[in-house]
C-alpha atoms as a PDB file:
ATOM      1  CA  MET A   1      13.003  63.632 -90.008  1.00  0.00           C
ATOM      2  CA  ALA A   2      12.735  63.442 -93.718  1.00  0.00           C
ATOM      3  CA  GLY A   3      12.892  60.194 -95.057  1.00  0.00           C
ATOM      4  CA  LYS A   4      12.029  58.362 -91.905  1.00  0.00           C
ATOM      5  CA  PHE A   5       8.702  56.634 -91.373  1.00  0.00           C
ATOM      6  CA  VAL A   6       7.715  54.897 -88.549  1.00  0.00           C
ATOM      7  CA  ILE A   7       4.719  52.843 -88.713  1.00  0.00           C
ATOM      8  CA  SER A   8       2.271  51.778 -85.664  1.00  0.00           C
ATOM      9  CA  LEU A   9       1.072  48.274 -86.612  1.00  0.00           C
ATOM     10  CA  THR A  10      -1.967  46.878 -83.640  1.00  0.00           C
ATOM     11  CA  ARG A  11      -3.608  44.450 -85.741  1.00  0.00           C
ATOM     12  CA  ALA A  12      -2.269  40.659 -86.854  1.00  0.00           C
ATOM     13  CA  LYS A  13      -4.696  37.993 -87.805  1.00  0.00           C
ATOM     14  CA  ASP A  14      -7.454  39.568 -85.911  1.00  0.00           C
ATOM     15  CA  ASP A  15      -7.556  42.058 -89.212  1.00  0.00           C
ATOM     16  CA  ALA A  16      -5.425  40.766 -91.947  1.00  0.00           C
ATOM     17  CA  ASP A  17      -6.001  43.689 -94.492  1.00  0.00           C
ATOM     18  CA  ARG A  18      -4.429  46.222 -91.919  1.00  0.00           C
ATOM     19  CA  ALA A  19      -1.525  44.038 -90.803  1.00  0.00           C
ATOM     20  CA  THR A  20      -0.821  43.773 -94.765  1.00  0.00           C
ATOM     21  CA  VAL A  21      -1.004  47.324 -95.718  1.00  0.00           C
ATOM     22  CA  ALA A  22       1.223  48.003 -92.928  1.00  0.00           C
ATOM     23  CA  PHE A  23       4.167  46.027 -94.266  1.00  0.00           C
ATOM     24  CA  VAL A  24       3.483  46.955 -97.940  1.00  0.00           C
ATOM     25  CA  VAL A  25       3.919  50.356 -96.728  1.00  0.00           C
ATOM     26  CA  ALA A  26       7.186  49.760 -95.203  1.00  0.00           C
ATOM     27  CA  ASN A  27       8.253  47.758 -97.875  1.00  0.00           C
ATOM     28  CA  ALA A  28       7.620  50.457-100.059  1.00  0.00           C
ATOM     29  CA  ALA A  29      10.071  52.824 -97.975  1.00  0.00           C
ATOM     30  CA  VAL A  30      12.572  50.543 -97.837  1.00  0.00           C
ATOM     31  CA  ALA A  31      12.732  50.067-101.534  1.00  0.00           C
ATOM     32  CA  GLY A  32      12.534  54.299-101.404  1.00  0.00           C
ATOM     33  CA  ASP A  33      16.119  54.298 -99.690  1.00  0.00           C
ATOM     34  CA  LYS A  34      14.062  55.563 -96.472  1.00  0.00           C
ATOM     35  CA  ASP A  35      14.560  54.323 -92.628  1.00  0.00           C
ATOM     36  CA  VAL A  36      11.742  52.449 -91.749  1.00  0.00           C
ATOM     37  CA  VAL A  37      10.776  51.442 -87.926  1.00  0.00           C
ATOM     38  CA  MET A  38       8.116  49.122 -87.373  1.00  0.00           C
ATOM     39  CA  PHE A  39       6.294  49.779 -83.937  1.00  0.00           C
ATOM     40  CA  LEU A  40       4.511  46.691 -82.524  1.00  0.00           C
ATOM     41  CA  SER A  41       1.925  46.927 -79.993  1.00  0.00           C
ATOM     42  CA  LEU A  42      -1.257  44.926 -78.674  1.00  0.00           C
ATOM     43  CA  GLU A  43      -2.323  41.948 -81.388  1.00  0.00           C
ATOM     44  CA  GLY A  44       0.459  43.091 -83.869  1.00  0.00           C
ATOM     45  CA  VAL A  45       3.319  42.183 -81.427  1.00  0.00           C
ATOM     46  CA  ARG A  46       2.279  38.691 -82.236  1.00  0.00           C
ATOM     47  CA  LEU A  47       3.883  39.040 -85.637  1.00  0.00           C
ATOM     48  CA  SER A  48       6.974  38.917 -84.239  1.00  0.00           C
ATOM     49  CA  GLN A  49       6.821  35.245 -83.074  1.00  0.00           C
ATOM     50  CA  LYS A  50       8.346  32.679 -85.165  1.00  0.00           C
ATOM     51  CA  GLY A  51       5.980  31.010 -87.693  1.00  0.00           C
ATOM     52  CA  TYR A  52       2.874  33.675 -86.601  1.00  0.00           C
ATOM     53  CA  ALA A  53       2.869  35.728 -89.897  1.00  0.00           C
ATOM     54  CA  ASP A  54       3.394  32.572 -92.169  1.00  0.00           C
ATOM     55  CA  ASP A  55      -0.761  32.696 -92.770  1.00  0.00           C
ATOM     56  CA  VAL A  56      -1.241  36.309 -92.563  1.00  0.00           C
ATOM     57  CA  HIS A  57      -2.391  37.016 -95.914  1.00  0.00           C
ATOM     58  CA  GLU A  58      -4.981  39.333 -97.488  1.00  0.00           C
ATOM     59  CA  SER A  59      -6.722  38.866-100.829  1.00  0.00           C
ATOM     60  CA  GLY A  60      -5.487  41.772-103.851  1.00  0.00           C
ATOM     61  CA  PHE A  61      -1.851  41.468-101.857  1.00  0.00           C
ATOM     62  CA  ALA A  62       1.401  39.806-102.334  1.00  0.00           C
ATOM     63  CA  ASP A  63       2.103  36.767-100.196  1.00  0.00           C
ATOM     64  CA  ARG A  64       4.119  37.359 -97.148  1.00  0.00           C
ATOM     65  CA  LYS A  65       7.252  36.710 -98.414  1.00  0.00           C
ATOM     66  CA  SER A  66       6.894  39.368-100.870  1.00  0.00           C
ATOM     67  CA  THR A  67       6.036  41.703 -97.937  1.00  0.00           C
ATOM     68  CA  ARG A  68       8.598  40.743 -95.845  1.00  0.00           C
ATOM     69  CA  LEU A  69      10.916  44.093 -95.274  1.00  0.00           C
ATOM     70  CA  ASN A  70      14.031  43.784 -97.227  1.00  0.00           C
ATOM     71  CA  SER A  71      17.060  42.569 -94.047  1.00  0.00           C
ATOM     72  CA  SER A  72      19.937  44.452 -96.508  1.00  0.00           C
ATOM     73  CA  HIS A  73      18.649  47.943 -95.995  1.00  0.00           C
ATOM     74  CA  SER A  74      17.301  47.105 -92.577  1.00  0.00           C
ATOM     75  CA  GLN A  75      18.511  46.685 -89.136  1.00  0.00           C
ATOM     76  CA  GLN A  76      18.068  42.836 -87.949  1.00  0.00           C
ATOM     77  CA  SER A  77      15.342  42.335 -84.945  1.00  0.00           C
ATOM     78  CA  ARG A  78      16.934  42.757 -81.474  1.00  0.00           C
ATOM     79  CA  MET A  79      14.123  40.499 -80.310  1.00  0.00           C
ATOM     80  CA  PRO A  80      14.697  36.973 -78.841  1.00  0.00           C
ATOM     81  CA  SER A  81      13.419  33.982 -81.358  1.00  0.00           C
END
């Protein structure tokens, strides 16, 4: 199990701070060459909808494009667009 992260995200626009922190942690883990799974439930599922996350931003953090998981290290989503 060492080197693997599962991050459960239940927030989106209703709590931009928590949503942003989850992606910052996931991005840091991927950058550290760790396997990462993001589990989205409740409001967090909305982040999988195309365009929904475009304006989710918490002050003090980099914008969404900077915290997006690096696709060269992560698997492509199998969810329909």
